[in-house]
Amino acid sequence: MEDVAEPFMEQDEFDSGEITSPLPPFPHPPFRSTRLHIQRSNVCSRAYFVVVMVFFHVYILNVIALLLYVHYNNGIGDLDSSSGSPSAPVSASGSHVPQPAPPTDLHVEDYSHIFSLPRIEGIRVGHIQRLSLVQDRTHEMKTLSLKPLLFEIPGFLSEEECRVVVQLAQLKGLTDSQTAFGQEDSKQPLLSLSTEEVFSLLDLNQDGLLQKQEIVSHSRSQDGTWLSPVNLRQILTGLEACPTGTLSLGDFKQVFDVSQHSALHQSGKLHSNFKQRNKHTWLYQGPGSHHVLQTLRNRIISLSRLPSPLVELSEPLQVVRYELRDFSDAHYDSSPSHSETTCSHTRLTGNSSALTEVSCRYLTALIYLSSVEDGGESTFPVADNRTYDEKALIQDGVDLTDTQQTCGKSNLKVKPAVGTALFWYNHLSDGQGWMGELDEYSLHGECPVKRGVKWVANSWINVDPDHQQQESYQRLVAQKYRTKSGLEDYYQSVSHTDFHQDL
């Protein structure tokens, strides 16, 4: 061990440069070879470490550069999605599809679930509920009657908002309203054609026989009132009872005589004498419309508590002007449902065998756009009656639906006040959260204006009594919305009338 250690000590002294005595020639070549090998190993280790570190830093720099590239290329989209505001959909042409206000994307999924129709509780006549329809403001809603369920909301619109709606209606232009059954001053009977003439008009192909499709086609033509839905139902019943499935002129004469008698018996005085006199127009409330009209629609959504797509797909806003002595006899805004009828707003997916189209309006919101100096009250002749009987509407030969003569005898009258809204349900609930039968107590009219001018706006919410039919209709509209430039195209393709179904 001492022999081995000694060379090491000598070598250390040589390396440090402190030579104390001459050294003999190195007697151990293998040891020198070992020392040189150790030095080469140390050099290689340092170089290897440097190379590894260089590659490691280059790798880190590459990763950082890649992350920066991804961030700056996708960062804007990430910010948009994180803000909770989805970007506007883009059509095939690259242009943005206009959205309703508030923004509502009409996707098919929005209509795939079964929704219900919530109803506001009336509690009792005179009960006041407080509503939050406008930010930093509270509205009071007063129950006016329970049959029909009728409410009054003062200040629903401001005077400025009412003035804007009136101005928009004037710019659009108003037309005379048409009565639901015949001309106002006409004293002619409903049917003034001979049996042979009626048969010839119905016989579209002039083959001397009436087929079912010919009768149904007439019911959809809406070219006059010379045949009522009652007549058509009786004629169709007679045709279906015929073994051949057609009606000759001889067969038609027998069926037609029965239909005439049934129509006169079922319609009576109240049907044939319904009258109204005013001017009206329709204002679109969808994308691109005036912000006041969109605000009004949104307020209706908040008030009714109904799903917003249901309100948005209903009729446009009707604005009506009543001048001196203008009026509207008592009527129903909606219609009872029958298997022979289909709702006008869902006719795109309606019953192809239905004889006629009717208005299906779940509720009405009537907003007074002006006050009236004298007259012009809204009247509800049978509101909160214990029982309803159509015959009771004629008392001592006086028709309570004739607002020109009997407004003073109405159970309930509401004087117009600018900005005030009346809100009522035209239908009862079916007990399962959907629209039920027509509420016969919702009979209402407008008394003649005695002094001043009366402006009102009618907002109707359309609902089909057949839930599946309503859902199919909304699915179809959602598909149209995806392929067209918005709801405005749809509304322009649908004609709306001011048809009222009276007694």
Protein backbone atom coordinates (compact mmCIF):
# COMPACT_ATOMS: atom_id res chain seq x y z
CA MET A 1 0.00 0.00 0.00
CA GLU A 2 2.81 2.42 0.72
CA ASP A 3 4.40 1.60 -2.66
CA VAL A 4 1.19 2.39 -4.44
CA ALA A 5 0.46 5.62 -2.58
CA GLU A 6 3.88 7.06 -3.14
CA PRO A 7 3.57 7.60 -6.91
CA PHE A 8 0.30 9.47 -6.36
CA MET A 9 1.93 11.81 -3.94
CA GLU A 10 4.78 12.40 -6.33
CA GLN A 11 2.40 13.11 -9.16
CA ASP A 12 0.46 15.67 -7.09
CA GLU A 13 3.65 17.48 -6.34
CA PHE A 14 4.55 17.53 -10.03
CA ASP A 15 1.16 18.86 -11.06
CA SER A 16 1.20 21.66 -8.53
CA GLY A 17 4.53 22.89 -9.86
CA GLU A 18 6.25 22.69 -6.48
CA ILE A 19 9.33 20.55 -7.33
CA THR A 20 11.65 20.08 -4.38
CA SER A 21 14.08 17.61 -5.93
CA PRO A 22 14.88 16.13 -9.30
CA LEU A 23 12.69 13.17 -10.12
CA PRO A 24 13.84 10.01 -11.75
CA PRO A 25 12.23 8.78 -14.94
CA PHE A 26 8.63 7.70 -14.33
CA PRO A 27 8.82 3.99 -13.71
CA HIS A 28 5.08 3.22 -14.29
CA PRO A 29 3.88 3.87 -17.89
CA PRO A 30 0.56 2.12 -17.27
CA PHE A 31 -0.29 4.68 -14.62
CA ARG A 32 0.39 7.61 -17.02
CA SER A 33 -1.93 5.95 -19.54
CA THR A 34 -4.60 5.71 -16.86
CA ARG A 35 -4.26 9.44 -15.97
CA LEU A 36 -4.67 10.50 -19.60
CA HIS A 37 -7.81 8.37 -19.98
CA ILE A 38 -9.39 10.09 -16.97
CA GLN A 39 -8.77 13.54 -18.47
CA ARG A 40 -10.40 12.57 -21.80
CA SER A 41 -13.48 11.27 -19.95
CA ASN A 42 -13.94 14.57 -18.09
CA VAL A 43 -13.71 16.57 -21.31
CA CYS A 44 -16.34 14.40 -23.03
CA SER A 45 -18.69 14.72 -20.05
CA ARG A 46 -18.57 18.52 -20.14
CA ALA A 47 -19.18 18.65 -23.90
CA TYR A 48 -22.04 16.20 -23.66
CA PHE A 49 -23.65 18.27 -20.90
CA VAL A 50 -23.34 21.46 -22.98
CA VAL A 51 -24.92 19.80 -26.02
CA VAL A 52 -27.81 18.41 -23.98
CA MET A 53 -28.48 21.78 -22.40
CA VAL A 54 -28.47 23.51 -25.79
CA PHE A 55 -30.98 21.03 -27.20
CA PHE A 56 -33.13 21.33 -24.06
CA HIS A 57 -33.32 25.12 -24.35
CA VAL A 58 -34.09 24.92 -28.05
CA TYR A 59 -36.95 22.49 -27.26
CA ILE A 60 -38.35 24.81 -24.60
CA LEU A 61 -38.17 27.77 -26.98
CA ASN A 62 -40.00 25.77 -29.66
CA VAL A 63 -42.78 24.83 -27.24
CA ILE A 64 -43.19 28.46 -26.15
CA ALA A 65 -43.28 29.62 -29.77
CA LEU A 66 -45.94 27.02 -30.60
CA LEU A 67 -48.10 28.10 -27.66
CA LEU A 68 -47.83 31.76 -28.69
CA TYR A 69 -48.80 30.87 -32.25
CA VAL A 70 -51.91 28.99 -31.11
CA HIS A 71 -52.87 31.78 -28.71
CA TYR A 72 -52.68 34.59 -31.24
CA ASN A 73 -54.52 32.65 -33.89
CA ASN A 74 -57.41 31.42 -31.71
CA GLY A 75 -57.45 33.94 -28.90
CA ILE A 76 -60.28 36.12 -30.32
CA GLY A 77 -62.65 33.19 -30.65
CA ASP A 78 -61.79 32.06 -27.15
CA LEU A 79 -62.59 35.49 -25.78
CA ASP A 80 -65.94 35.56 -27.56
CA SER A 81 -66.95 32.19 -26.24
CA SER A 82 -65.82 32.98 -22.73
CA SER A 83 -67.90 36.13 -22.58
CA GLY A 84 -71.07 34.11 -22.76
CA SER A 85 -72.31 35.86 -25.89
CA PRO A 86 -72.50 33.46 -28.81
CA SER A 87 -71.46 34.81 -32.14
CA ALA A 88 -74.15 35.52 -34.71
CA PRO A 89 -74.96 32.64 -37.05
CA VAL A 90 -73.75 32.99 -40.60
CA SER A 91 -75.72 31.98 -43.64
CA ALA A 92 -74.33 30.08 -46.59
CA SER A 93 -73.53 33.34 -48.35
CA GLY A 94 -71.43 34.49 -45.41
CA SER A 95 -73.83 37.22 -44.23
CA HIS A 96 -75.09 37.33 -40.68
CA VAL A 97 -78.64 36.12 -40.09
CA PRO A 98 -80.67 38.85 -38.34
CA GLN A 99 -81.78 37.90 -34.85
CA PRO A 100 -84.94 38.93 -32.94
CA ALA A 101 -84.58 41.32 -30.06
CA PRO A 102 -83.85 40.18 -27.45
CA PRO A 103 -81.56 37.77 -29.37
CA THR A 104 -83.29 34.46 -29.77
CA ASP A 105 -81.82 31.70 -31.93
CA LEU A 106 -84.66 29.66 -33.34
CA HIS A 107 -83.28 26.15 -33.26
CA VAL A 108 -85.37 23.05 -33.68
CA GLU A 109 -84.29 21.96 -30.22
CA ASP A 110 -86.13 24.94 -28.75
CA TYR A 111 -89.43 23.32 -29.75
CA SER A 112 -88.70 19.66 -29.17
CA HIS A 113 -89.76 19.72 -25.54
CA ILE A 114 -93.32 19.97 -24.28
CA PHE A 115 -93.94 23.32 -22.68
CA SER A 116 -97.03 24.47 -20.81
CA LEU A 117 -99.04 27.69 -20.88
CA PRO A 118 -98.77 29.41 -17.50
CA ARG A 119 -101.75 31.48 -16.39
CA ILE A 120 -101.86 34.46 -14.06
CA GLU A 121 -104.10 34.01 -11.04
CA GLY A 122 -106.86 36.59 -10.68
CA ILE A 123 -107.43 35.88 -6.95
CA ARG A 124 -110.52 38.14 -6.74
CA VAL A 125 -112.00 41.18 -8.44
CA GLY A 126 -110.08 44.27 -7.33
CA HIS A 127 -106.96 42.34 -6.35
CA ILE A 128 -103.74 44.22 -7.21
CA GLN A 129 -100.50 42.51 -8.16
CA ARG A 130 -97.18 44.30 -8.59
CA LEU A 131 -95.14 43.54 -11.68
CA SER A 132 -91.57 44.29 -12.71
CA LEU A 133 -91.87 44.83 -16.47
CA VAL A 134 -89.43 47.74 -16.77
CA GLN A 135 -86.13 48.24 -15.00
CA ASP A 136 -86.36 50.49 -11.93
CA ARG A 137 -90.14 50.64 -12.17
CA THR A 138 -93.09 48.69 -10.78
CA HIS A 139 -96.45 48.30 -12.52
CA GLU A 140 -99.70 47.50 -10.75
CA MET A 141 -102.04 44.97 -12.33
CA LYS A 142 -105.65 45.01 -11.16
CA THR A 143 -108.08 42.12 -11.59
CA LEU A 144 -111.23 43.42 -13.30
CA SER A 145 -113.11 40.12 -13.64
CA LEU A 146 -112.66 36.39 -13.17
CA LYS A 147 -115.00 35.37 -16.03
CA PRO A 148 -113.16 36.09 -18.27
CA LEU A 149 -109.86 36.37 -16.43
CA LEU A 150 -109.28 40.05 -17.14
CA PHE A 151 -106.63 42.47 -15.86
CA GLU A 152 -105.87 46.18 -16.19
CA ILE A 153 -102.30 47.56 -16.16
CA PRO A 154 -102.07 51.39 -16.07
CA GLY A 155 -98.91 52.88 -17.56
CA PHE A 156 -98.07 49.74 -19.51
CA LEU A 157 -96.68 52.06 -22.20
CA SER A 158 -95.49 55.62 -21.74
CA GLU A 159 -97.17 58.44 -23.64
CA GLU A 160 -94.08 58.81 -25.79
CA GLU A 161 -94.13 55.11 -26.69
CA CYS A 162 -97.83 55.34 -27.55
CA ARG A 163 -97.15 58.34 -29.78
CA VAL A 164 -94.43 56.44 -31.66
CA VAL A 165 -96.74 53.47 -32.32
CA VAL A 166 -99.46 55.79 -33.64
CA GLN A 167 -96.98 57.56 -35.92
CA LEU A 168 -95.69 54.25 -37.27
CA ALA A 169 -99.26 53.16 -38.00
CA GLN A 170 -99.95 56.41 -39.84
CA LEU A 171 -96.80 56.01 -41.91
CA LYS A 172 -97.78 52.43 -42.76
CA GLY A 173 -101.29 53.52 -43.79
CA LEU A 174 -104.65 52.36 -42.43
CA THR A 175 -107.43 50.54 -44.25
CA ASP A 176 -111.11 50.05 -43.46
CA SER A 177 -111.84 46.99 -41.33
CA GLN A 178 -114.10 44.38 -42.86
CA THR A 179 -116.92 42.84 -40.86
CA ALA A 180 -116.78 39.15 -40.17
CA PHE A 181 -120.14 38.32 -41.74
CA GLY A 182 -121.28 40.35 -44.73
CA GLN A 183 -121.21 44.09 -45.27
CA GLU A 184 -122.16 46.41 -42.47
CA ASP A 185 -125.34 47.84 -43.95
CA SER A 186 -126.31 44.82 -46.02
CA LYS A 187 -129.82 43.57 -45.42
CA GLN A 188 -129.50 40.69 -47.88
CA PRO A 189 -129.75 37.13 -46.57
CA LEU A 190 -126.55 35.14 -46.21
CA LEU A 191 -127.41 33.02 -49.27
CA SER A 192 -128.84 34.88 -52.25
CA LEU A 193 -128.01 32.30 -54.94
CA SER A 194 -130.25 29.59 -56.33
CA THR A 195 -129.47 25.96 -55.62
CA GLU A 196 -128.43 25.38 -59.23
CA GLU A 197 -126.05 28.36 -59.08
CA VAL A 198 -124.46 27.16 -55.86
CA PHE A 199 -124.00 23.69 -57.35
CA SER A 200 -122.39 25.13 -60.47
CA LEU A 201 -119.98 27.27 -58.44
CA LEU A 202 -118.92 24.31 -56.33
CA ASP A 203 -118.52 22.02 -59.35
CA LEU A 204 -115.04 23.22 -60.25
CA ASN A 205 -114.43 20.78 -63.11
CA GLN A 206 -118.01 21.09 -64.38
CA ASP A 207 -118.53 17.34 -64.63
CA GLY A 208 -122.00 17.46 -63.08
CA LEU A 209 -120.83 15.82 -59.84
CA LEU A 210 -119.50 17.24 -56.60
CA GLN A 211 -116.43 15.58 -55.08
CA LYS A 212 -115.15 16.07 -51.55
CA GLN A 213 -112.05 17.91 -52.75
CA GLU A 214 -114.17 20.50 -54.54
CA ILE A 215 -116.03 21.37 -51.34
CA VAL A 216 -112.85 21.52 -49.30
CA SER A 217 -111.18 23.69 -51.93
CA HIS A 218 -114.00 26.21 -51.71
CA SER A 219 -113.65 26.40 -47.94
CA ARG A 220 -110.01 27.46 -48.40
CA SER A 221 -110.60 29.99 -51.16
CA GLN A 222 -112.07 32.61 -48.79
CA ASP A 223 -113.65 34.37 -51.80
CA GLY A 224 -116.88 35.44 -50.13
CA THR A 225 -119.55 34.61 -47.58
CA TRP A 226 -122.13 32.97 -49.83
CA LEU A 227 -121.51 29.66 -48.08
CA SER A 228 -120.89 29.56 -44.34
CA PRO A 229 -118.88 26.87 -42.52
CA VAL A 230 -122.20 25.47 -41.27
CA ASN A 231 -123.42 25.05 -44.85
CA LEU A 232 -120.19 23.40 -45.88
CA ARG A 233 -120.25 20.96 -42.98
CA GLN A 234 -123.79 19.88 -43.81
CA ILE A 235 -122.97 19.46 -47.50
CA LEU A 236 -119.86 17.44 -46.71
CA THR A 237 -121.83 15.23 -44.31
CA GLY A 238 -124.38 14.52 -47.04
CA LEU A 239 -121.63 13.75 -49.53
CA GLU A 240 -119.92 11.27 -47.20
CA ALA A 241 -123.25 9.55 -46.61
CA CYS A 242 -123.71 9.00 -50.36
CA PRO A 243 -122.53 5.51 -51.46
CA THR A 244 -120.82 6.87 -54.58
CA GLY A 245 -118.87 9.51 -52.65
CA THR A 246 -120.20 12.22 -54.99
CA LEU A 247 -123.30 14.39 -55.23
CA SER A 248 -125.39 14.89 -58.31
CA LEU A 249 -127.57 17.96 -58.70
CA GLY A 250 -130.60 16.06 -57.43
CA ASP A 251 -128.74 14.77 -54.39
CA PHE A 252 -127.29 18.23 -53.77
CA LYS A 253 -130.74 19.87 -53.71
CA GLN A 254 -131.81 17.65 -50.82
CA VAL A 255 -128.57 18.17 -48.88
CA PHE A 256 -128.51 21.90 -49.59
CA ASP A 257 -132.03 22.48 -48.27
CA VAL A 258 -130.99 20.83 -44.99
CA SER A 259 -127.80 22.92 -44.79
CA GLN A 260 -129.73 26.17 -45.36
CA HIS A 261 -132.18 25.39 -42.58
CA SER A 262 -129.38 24.33 -40.21
CA ALA A 263 -127.32 27.45 -40.95
CA LEU A 264 -130.21 29.81 -40.28
CA HIS A 265 -131.13 27.94 -37.12
CA GLN A 266 -127.61 27.91 -35.72
CA SER A 267 -126.59 31.41 -36.72
CA GLY A 268 -129.68 33.44 -35.95
CA LYS A 269 -129.77 37.20 -35.53
CA LEU A 270 -126.45 37.52 -33.70
CA HIS A 271 -124.46 35.93 -36.53
CA SER A 272 -125.89 37.87 -39.41
CA ASN A 273 -125.86 41.32 -37.78
CA PHE A 274 -122.32 41.59 -36.48
CA LYS A 275 -120.87 44.97 -37.45
CA GLN A 276 -117.83 47.14 -36.87
CA ARG A 277 -116.49 50.38 -38.27
CA ASN A 278 -112.88 51.51 -37.89
CA LYS A 279 -109.53 51.66 -39.67
CA HIS A 280 -106.58 49.44 -38.94
CA THR A 281 -103.11 48.32 -39.98
CA TRP A 282 -100.51 45.71 -39.01
CA LEU A 283 -97.05 46.50 -37.64
CA TYR A 284 -94.27 43.93 -37.82
CA GLN A 285 -92.35 43.50 -34.54
CA GLY A 286 -89.49 41.24 -35.55
CA PRO A 287 -85.84 41.90 -36.50
CA GLY A 288 -85.34 45.30 -38.07
CA SER A 289 -88.53 46.81 -36.66
CA HIS A 290 -88.64 49.97 -34.53
CA HIS A 291 -87.18 49.47 -31.06
CA VAL A 292 -90.46 50.61 -29.44
CA LEU A 293 -92.33 47.80 -31.21
CA GLN A 294 -89.73 45.27 -30.07
CA THR A 295 -89.89 46.70 -26.53
CA LEU A 296 -93.67 46.28 -26.58
CA ARG A 297 -93.37 42.66 -27.64
CA ASN A 298 -90.79 41.93 -24.95
CA ARG A 299 -93.06 43.52 -22.37
CA ILE A 300 -95.89 41.25 -23.52
CA ILE A 301 -93.57 38.26 -23.05
CA SER A 302 -92.77 39.36 -19.49
CA LEU A 303 -96.42 40.03 -18.71
CA SER A 304 -97.81 36.80 -20.14
CA ARG A 305 -94.96 34.64 -18.78
CA LEU A 306 -95.25 32.54 -21.95
CA PRO A 307 -92.28 31.08 -23.84
CA SER A 308 -90.78 33.85 -25.96
CA PRO A 309 -90.80 31.81 -29.23
CA LEU A 310 -94.56 31.38 -28.84
CA VAL A 311 -95.07 35.14 -28.67
CA GLU A 312 -92.58 35.90 -31.44
CA LEU A 313 -94.36 33.55 -33.86
CA SER A 314 -97.78 35.08 -33.22
CA GLU A 315 -99.54 37.75 -35.27
CA PRO A 316 -98.01 41.17 -35.83
CA LEU A 317 -99.33 44.10 -33.80
CA GLN A 318 -102.70 45.43 -34.98
CA VAL A 319 -103.26 49.17 -34.58
CA VAL A 320 -106.87 50.42 -34.84
CA ARG A 321 -108.23 53.95 -35.13
CA TYR A 322 -111.80 54.74 -34.06
CA GLU A 323 -113.12 58.09 -35.21
CA LEU A 324 -116.45 59.73 -34.38
CA ARG A 325 -119.23 57.12 -34.08
CA ASP A 326 -116.84 54.25 -34.92
CA PHE A 327 -117.47 51.08 -32.93
CA SER A 328 -117.18 47.30 -32.85
CA ASP A 329 -120.01 44.97 -31.85
CA ALA A 330 -119.34 42.38 -29.17
CA HIS A 331 -117.38 39.43 -30.51
CA TYR A 332 -114.82 36.78 -29.63
CA ASP A 333 -111.19 37.24 -30.61
CA SER A 334 -110.73 33.47 -30.87
CA SER A 335 -112.83 30.54 -32.05
CA PRO A 336 -114.05 27.26 -30.61
CA SER A 337 -112.16 24.26 -31.90
CA HIS A 338 -113.85 21.70 -34.16
CA SER A 339 -112.60 18.77 -36.14
CA GLU A 340 -113.74 20.57 -39.31
CA THR A 341 -111.57 23.63 -38.64
CA THR A 342 -107.86 24.38 -38.54
CA CYS A 343 -106.04 27.33 -36.98
CA SER A 344 -104.96 30.02 -39.42
CA HIS A 345 -101.48 30.39 -37.95
CA THR A 346 -100.71 26.65 -38.16
CA ARG A 347 -102.28 26.09 -41.57
CA LEU A 348 -98.84 25.16 -42.99
CA THR A 349 -99.11 21.92 -41.05
CA GLY A 350 -102.89 21.94 -40.65
CA ASN A 351 -105.52 19.33 -41.24
CA SER A 352 -105.85 18.95 -45.02
CA SER A 353 -109.48 17.86 -44.66
CA ALA A 354 -110.49 20.89 -42.58
CA LEU A 355 -113.34 22.90 -44.05
CA THR A 356 -112.28 26.32 -42.85
CA GLU A 357 -109.53 28.23 -41.08
CA VAL A 358 -110.24 30.11 -37.86
CA SER A 359 -108.34 32.39 -35.50
CA CYS A 360 -106.80 30.65 -32.50
CA ARG A 361 -105.84 33.34 -29.99
CA TYR A 362 -105.03 32.15 -26.50
CA LEU A 363 -104.96 35.64 -25.02
CA THR A 364 -105.41 39.29 -25.94
CA ALA A 365 -103.45 42.34 -24.85
CA LEU A 366 -105.28 45.57 -25.77
CA ILE A 367 -103.28 48.77 -25.24
CA TYR A 368 -104.90 52.20 -25.35
CA LEU A 369 -102.66 54.48 -27.40
CA SER A 370 -104.78 57.55 -26.65
CA SER A 371 -107.43 58.77 -24.27
CA VAL A 372 -110.95 59.58 -25.49
CA GLU A 373 -112.92 62.67 -24.51
CA ASP A 374 -116.27 60.85 -24.51
CA GLY A 375 -117.37 57.32 -25.35
CA GLY A 376 -115.17 54.60 -26.83
CA GLU A 377 -115.26 52.34 -23.78
CA SER A 378 -114.32 48.67 -24.06
CA THR A 379 -117.32 46.62 -23.03
CA PHE A 380 -117.66 43.07 -21.67
CA PRO A 381 -121.43 42.41 -21.71
CA VAL A 382 -121.46 39.14 -19.72
CA ALA A 383 -118.36 39.52 -17.53
CA ASP A 384 -118.75 37.65 -14.22
CA ASN A 385 -122.28 36.50 -14.98
CA ARG A 386 -123.26 33.54 -12.84
CA THR A 387 -124.22 31.57 -15.92
CA TYR A 388 -123.86 32.07 -19.65
CA ASP A 389 -126.75 31.69 -22.05
CA GLU A 390 -126.66 32.95 -25.62
CA LYS A 391 -130.41 33.52 -25.60
CA ALA A 392 -130.07 35.77 -22.56
CA LEU A 393 -128.11 38.24 -24.67
CA ILE A 394 -131.39 39.30 -26.27
CA GLN A 395 -133.51 40.99 -23.62
CA ASP A 396 -136.86 42.56 -24.52
CA GLY A 397 -135.88 42.45 -28.16
CA VAL A 398 -132.60 44.29 -27.51
CA ASP A 399 -129.32 42.62 -28.49
CA LEU A 400 -126.64 43.16 -25.84
CA THR A 401 -123.92 42.57 -28.45
CA ASP A 402 -125.07 45.67 -30.36
CA THR A 403 -122.71 48.23 -28.87
CA GLN A 404 -124.36 51.08 -30.71
CA GLN A 405 -127.53 50.58 -28.69
CA THR A 406 -126.71 48.75 -25.46
CA CYS A 407 -123.26 49.81 -24.21
CA GLY A 408 -124.89 51.21 -21.08
CA LYS A 409 -126.26 47.77 -20.13
CA SER A 410 -122.91 46.01 -20.19
CA ASN A 411 -121.67 44.29 -17.03
CA LEU A 412 -118.23 45.88 -17.36
CA LYS A 413 -116.93 48.92 -19.22
CA VAL A 414 -113.38 50.29 -19.27
CA LYS A 415 -112.72 53.90 -20.24
CA PRO A 416 -109.67 54.38 -22.49
CA ALA A 417 -106.61 55.96 -20.85
CA VAL A 418 -103.40 56.46 -22.78
CA GLY A 419 -100.80 53.79 -21.96
CA THR A 420 -103.21 51.50 -20.09
CA ALA A 421 -103.38 47.85 -21.15
CA LEU A 422 -106.18 45.31 -20.82
CA PHE A 423 -105.06 41.70 -20.68
CA TRP A 424 -107.41 38.70 -20.79
CA TYR A 425 -107.55 35.01 -21.67
CA ASN A 426 -109.84 33.98 -24.51
CA HIS A 427 -109.65 30.31 -23.57
CA LEU A 428 -109.92 28.29 -20.41
CA SER A 429 -107.23 25.86 -19.33
CA ASP A 430 -107.64 22.22 -20.30
CA GLY A 431 -106.50 21.18 -16.82
CA GLN A 432 -103.18 19.87 -18.14
CA GLY A 433 -101.39 23.15 -18.72
CA TRP A 434 -102.59 23.71 -22.26
CA MET A 435 -105.30 25.68 -24.03
CA GLY A 436 -108.85 24.48 -23.43
CA GLU A 437 -112.30 25.52 -24.56
CA LEU A 438 -113.27 29.02 -25.64
CA ASP A 439 -114.23 31.19 -22.66
CA GLU A 440 -117.71 32.38 -23.60
CA TYR A 441 -117.47 35.17 -21.04
CA SER A 442 -114.66 36.79 -23.09
CA LEU A 443 -117.30 38.37 -25.32
CA HIS A 444 -116.27 42.01 -25.77
CA GLY A 445 -116.75 45.03 -28.00
CA GLU A 446 -115.96 48.72 -28.40
CA CYS A 447 -118.58 51.39 -27.69
CA PRO A 448 -119.03 54.20 -30.27
CA VAL A 449 -116.72 57.19 -29.93
CA LYS A 450 -118.78 60.26 -29.07
CA ARG A 451 -116.03 62.87 -29.01
CA GLY A 452 -112.36 62.64 -29.92
CA VAL A 453 -110.28 59.90 -31.61
CA LYS A 454 -109.46 56.53 -30.11
CA TRP A 455 -106.28 54.60 -30.92
CA VAL A 456 -105.72 51.04 -29.66
CA ALA A 457 -103.18 48.29 -30.32
CA ASN A 458 -104.10 44.60 -30.22
CA SER A 459 -101.46 41.98 -29.49
CA TRP A 460 -102.71 38.41 -29.88
CA ILE A 461 -100.85 35.28 -28.82
CA ASN A 462 -101.66 32.40 -31.19
CA VAL A 463 -101.85 28.87 -29.82
CA ASP A 464 -103.27 25.77 -31.49
CA PRO A 465 -105.56 23.72 -29.18
CA ASP A 466 -103.82 20.65 -30.58
CA HIS A 467 -100.48 20.61 -28.79
CA GLN A 468 -98.86 18.32 -31.35
CA GLN A 469 -100.07 20.56 -34.17
CA GLN A 470 -98.52 23.60 -32.47
CA GLU A 471 -95.24 21.78 -31.96
CA SER A 472 -95.15 20.62 -35.60
CA TYR A 473 -95.79 24.17 -36.74
CA GLN A 474 -92.95 25.54 -34.61
CA ARG A 475 -90.57 22.88 -35.91
CA LEU A 476 -91.46 23.84 -39.47
CA VAL A 477 -90.90 27.53 -38.78
CA ALA A 478 -87.56 26.74 -37.15
CA GLN A 479 -86.47 24.93 -40.31
CA LYS A 480 -87.63 27.84 -42.47
CA TYR A 481 -85.68 30.18 -40.23
CA ARG A 482 -82.51 28.24 -40.84
CA THR A 483 -82.83 28.48 -44.61
CA LYS A 484 -84.17 32.03 -44.94
CA SER A 485 -82.95 35.42 -43.83
CA GLY A 486 -84.97 35.49 -40.62
CA LEU A 487 -88.52 35.66 -39.34
CA GLU A 488 -89.36 38.66 -41.52
CA ASP A 489 -89.46 36.42 -44.62
CA TYR A 490 -91.86 34.12 -42.81
CA TYR A 491 -94.15 36.89 -41.65
CA GLN A 492 -94.31 38.36 -45.14
CA SER A 493 -95.49 35.01 -46.48
CA VAL A 494 -98.31 34.76 -43.94
CA SER A 495 -101.38 36.93 -44.37
CA HIS A 496 -103.15 38.03 -41.21
CA THR A 497 -106.72 39.24 -41.06
CA ASP A 498 -108.71 41.03 -38.43
CA PHE A 499 -111.32 38.30 -38.45
CA HIS A 500 -113.43 38.13 -35.28
CA GLN A 501 -115.62 35.19 -34.44
CA ASP A 502 -118.87 36.51 -33.01
CA LEU A 503 -121.73 34.57 -31.48
